[in-house]
Amino acid sequence: MTDEWIGYRGLAAAGRRHSRVCHLRGEYARDDDGDGVREVHCNTLEGIGTGLRNFIRAFRGVSKHYLAQYAAAFEWAYNTKAVTGEWVRALLVSPPNTRSGT
């Protein structure tokens, strides 16, 4: 869900579900399915962008070459939502070696 910034126009063509609000019409949140919850808004996207900037700030500069990897690490941590034993093991345990002959 986004606002109507031109950069988001290709999302639907890329096979992504895309709902948007029009700030020019005074629209900031909308209830599309009639359940009383205004699920179409761009606050989540803006909040995630702020979280990513705060995450990257700790590294004091990130190369454009590695930005996608930092974003993927942030996305994984954001989607995890809770520290569980399984989450800690995923951080500490190396994945099995998948090279042939080992």
C-alpha atoms as a PDB file:
ATOM      1  CA  MET A   1       0.000   0.000   0.000  1.00  0.00           C
ATOM      2  CA  THR A   2       1.408   3.344  -1.007  1.00  0.00           C
ATOM      3  CA  ASP A   3       0.518   6.855  -1.958  1.00  0.00           C
ATOM      4  CA  GLU A   4       0.477   7.877  -5.615  1.00  0.00           C
ATOM      5  CA  TRP A   5       4.198   8.582  -6.042  1.00  0.00           C
ATOM      6  CA  ILE A   6       5.230   7.794  -9.639  1.00  0.00           C
ATOM      7  CA  GLY A   7       7.924   5.338  -8.507  1.00  0.00           C
ATOM      8  CA  TYR A   8       5.275   2.849  -7.354  1.00  0.00           C
ATOM      9  CA  ARG A   9       3.422   2.628 -10.670  1.00  0.00           C
ATOM     10  CA  GLY A  10       5.243  -0.498 -11.834  1.00  0.00           C
ATOM     11  CA  LEU A  11       4.269  -2.621  -8.832  1.00  0.00           C
ATOM     12  CA  ALA A  12       1.025  -3.986 -10.294  1.00  0.00           C
ATOM     13  CA  ALA A  13       2.753  -4.807 -13.596  1.00  0.00           C
ATOM     14  CA  ALA A  14       5.404  -6.719 -11.614  1.00  0.00           C
ATOM     15  CA  GLY A  15       2.681  -8.996 -10.241  1.00  0.00           C
ATOM     16  CA  ARG A  16       2.388  -7.272  -6.846  1.00  0.00           C
ATOM     17  CA  ARG A  17      -0.930  -6.440  -5.259  1.00  0.00           C
ATOM     18  CA  HIS A  18      -1.014  -2.667  -4.995  1.00  0.00           C
ATOM     19  CA  SER A  19      -3.490  -0.403  -3.252  1.00  0.00           C
ATOM     20  CA  ARG A  20      -2.899   3.308  -2.922  1.00  0.00           C
ATOM     21  CA  VAL A  21      -4.303   6.418  -1.296  1.00  0.00           C
ATOM     22  CA  CYS A  22      -4.544   9.814  -2.985  1.00  0.00           C
ATOM     23  CA  HIS A  23      -3.317  12.584  -0.688  1.00  0.00           C
ATOM     24  CA  LEU A  24      -4.409  15.231  -3.226  1.00  0.00           C
ATOM     25  CA  ARG A  25      -8.046  14.233  -2.558  1.00  0.00           C
ATOM     26  CA  GLY A  26      -7.481  14.452   1.197  1.00  0.00           C
ATOM     27  CA  GLU A  27      -7.323  10.666   1.475  1.00  0.00           C
ATOM     28  CA  TYR A  28      -4.871   9.237   4.013  1.00  0.00           C
ATOM     29  CA  ALA A  29      -6.535   5.920   4.891  1.00  0.00           C
ATOM     30  CA  ARG A  30      -9.345   3.946   3.293  1.00  0.00           C
ATOM     31  CA  ASP A  31     -11.552   0.980   4.195  1.00  0.00           C
ATOM     32  CA  ASP A  32     -11.860  -1.043   0.963  1.00  0.00           C
ATOM     33  CA  ASP A  33     -13.570  -4.175   2.299  1.00  0.00           C
ATOM     34  CA  GLY A  34     -16.155  -2.452   4.532  1.00  0.00           C
ATOM     35  CA  ASP A  35     -15.108  -4.085   7.816  1.00  0.00           C
ATOM     36  CA  GLY A  36     -14.502  -0.754   9.570  1.00  0.00           C
ATOM     37  CA  VAL A  37     -10.708  -1.095   9.504  1.00  0.00           C
ATOM     38  CA  ARG A  38      -8.874   1.363   7.264  1.00  0.00           C
ATOM     39  CA  GLU A  39      -6.385  -1.102   5.843  1.00  0.00           C
ATOM     40  CA  VAL A  40      -5.239   0.975   2.852  1.00  0.00           C
ATOM     41  CA  HIS A  41      -2.658   3.523   4.030  1.00  0.00           C
ATOM     42  CA  CYS A  42       1.059   4.169   3.606  1.00  0.00           C
ATOM     43  CA  ASN A  43       2.095   4.442   7.268  1.00  0.00           C
ATOM     44  CA  THR A  44       3.465   0.887   7.341  1.00  0.00           C
ATOM     45  CA  LEU A  45       5.691   1.537   4.331  1.00  0.00           C
ATOM     46  CA  GLU A  46       6.933   4.830   5.778  1.00  0.00           C
ATOM     47  CA  GLY A  47       7.586   3.176   9.148  1.00  0.00           C
ATOM     48  CA  ILE A  48       9.556   0.354   7.540  1.00  0.00           C
ATOM     49  CA  GLY A  49      11.626   2.914   5.612  1.00  0.00           C
ATOM     50  CA  THR A  50      12.441   4.713   8.855  1.00  0.00           C
ATOM     51  CA  GLY A  51      13.341   1.405  10.505  1.00  0.00           C
ATOM     52  CA  LEU A  52      15.679   0.499   7.627  1.00  0.00           C
ATOM     53  CA  ARG A  53      17.420   3.886   7.840  1.00  0.00           C
ATOM     54  CA  ASN A  54      17.875   3.449  11.605  1.00  0.00           C
ATOM     55  CA  PHE A  55      19.205  -0.088  11.098  1.00  0.00           C
ATOM     56  CA  ILE A  56      21.761   1.055   8.505  1.00  0.00           C
ATOM     57  CA  ARG A  57      22.813   4.106  10.528  1.00  0.00           C
ATOM     58  CA  ALA A  58      24.635   1.863  13.027  1.00  0.00           C
ATOM     59  CA  PHE A  59      27.040   0.752  10.280  1.00  0.00           C
ATOM     60  CA  ARG A  60      28.121   4.360   9.584  1.00  0.00           C
ATOM     61  CA  GLY A  61      27.936   4.096   5.851  1.00  0.00           C
ATOM     62  CA  VAL A  62      26.907   1.283   3.535  1.00  0.00           C
ATOM     63  CA  SER A  63      28.231   0.629   0.057  1.00  0.00           C
ATOM     64  CA  LYS A  64      25.582   0.650  -2.683  1.00  0.00           C
ATOM     65  CA  HIS A  65      27.059  -2.687  -3.726  1.00  0.00           C
ATOM     66  CA  TYR A  66      25.943  -4.291  -0.433  1.00  0.00           C
ATOM     67  CA  LEU A  67      22.763  -2.279   0.231  1.00  0.00           C
ATOM     68  CA  ALA A  68      20.447  -5.093  -0.906  1.00  0.00           C
ATOM     69  CA  GLN A  69      22.088  -7.467   1.586  1.00  0.00           C
ATOM     70  CA  TYR A  70      21.652  -4.999   4.459  1.00  0.00           C
ATOM     71  CA  ALA A  71      18.020  -4.505   3.408  1.00  0.00           C
ATOM     72  CA  ALA A  72      17.505  -8.299   3.335  1.00  0.00           C
ATOM     73  CA  ALA A  73      18.970  -8.632   6.848  1.00  0.00           C
ATOM     74  CA  PHE A  74      16.658  -5.876   8.078  1.00  0.00           C
ATOM     75  CA  GLU A  75      13.664  -7.489   6.340  1.00  0.00           C
ATOM     76  CA  TRP A  76      14.400 -10.830   7.977  1.00  0.00           C
ATOM     77  CA  ALA A  77      14.710  -9.243  11.420  1.00  0.00           C
ATOM     78  CA  TYR A  78      11.553  -7.159  10.880  1.00  0.00           C
ATOM     79  CA  ASN A  79       9.517 -10.184   9.808  1.00  0.00           C
ATOM     80  CA  THR A  80      10.752 -12.325  12.698  1.00  0.00           C
ATOM     81  CA  LYS A  81       8.891 -10.117  15.237  1.00  0.00           C
ATOM     82  CA  ALA A  82      10.004 -12.110  18.287  1.00  0.00           C
ATOM     83  CA  VAL A  83      13.202 -13.573  19.653  1.00  0.00           C
ATOM     84  CA  THR A  84      12.626 -17.299  20.033  1.00  0.00           C
ATOM     85  CA  GLY A  85      14.977 -20.203  20.567  1.00  0.00           C
ATOM     86  CA  GLU A  86      14.608 -21.120  16.907  1.00  0.00           C
ATOM     87  CA  TRP A  87      15.548 -17.571  15.890  1.00  0.00           C
ATOM     88  CA  VAL A  88      18.702 -17.607  18.046  1.00  0.00           C
ATOM     89  CA  ARG A  89      19.723 -21.025  16.674  1.00  0.00           C
ATOM     90  CA  ALA A  90      19.295 -19.700  13.121  1.00  0.00           C
ATOM     91  CA  LEU A  91      21.770 -16.928  13.960  1.00  0.00           C
ATOM     92  CA  LEU A  92      24.309 -19.193  15.645  1.00  0.00           C
ATOM     93  CA  VAL A  93      24.253 -22.395  13.625  1.00  0.00           C
ATOM     94  CA  SER A  94      26.008 -22.520  10.278  1.00  0.00           C
ATOM     95  CA  PRO A  95      23.939 -23.908   7.412  1.00  0.00           C
ATOM     96  CA  PRO A  96      24.980 -27.370   6.218  1.00  0.00           C
ATOM     97  CA  ASN A  97      27.687 -27.423   3.581  1.00  0.00           C
ATOM     98  CA  THR A  98      25.973 -27.984   0.257  1.00  0.00           C
ATOM     99  CA  ARG A  99      29.071 -28.379  -1.890  1.00  0.00           C
ATOM    100  CA  SER A 100      29.441 -31.815  -3.466  1.00  0.00           C
ATOM    101  CA  GLY A 101      32.052 -34.150  -2.011  1.00  0.00           C
ATOM    102  CA  THR A 102      31.905 -32.775   1.523  1.00  0.00           C
END
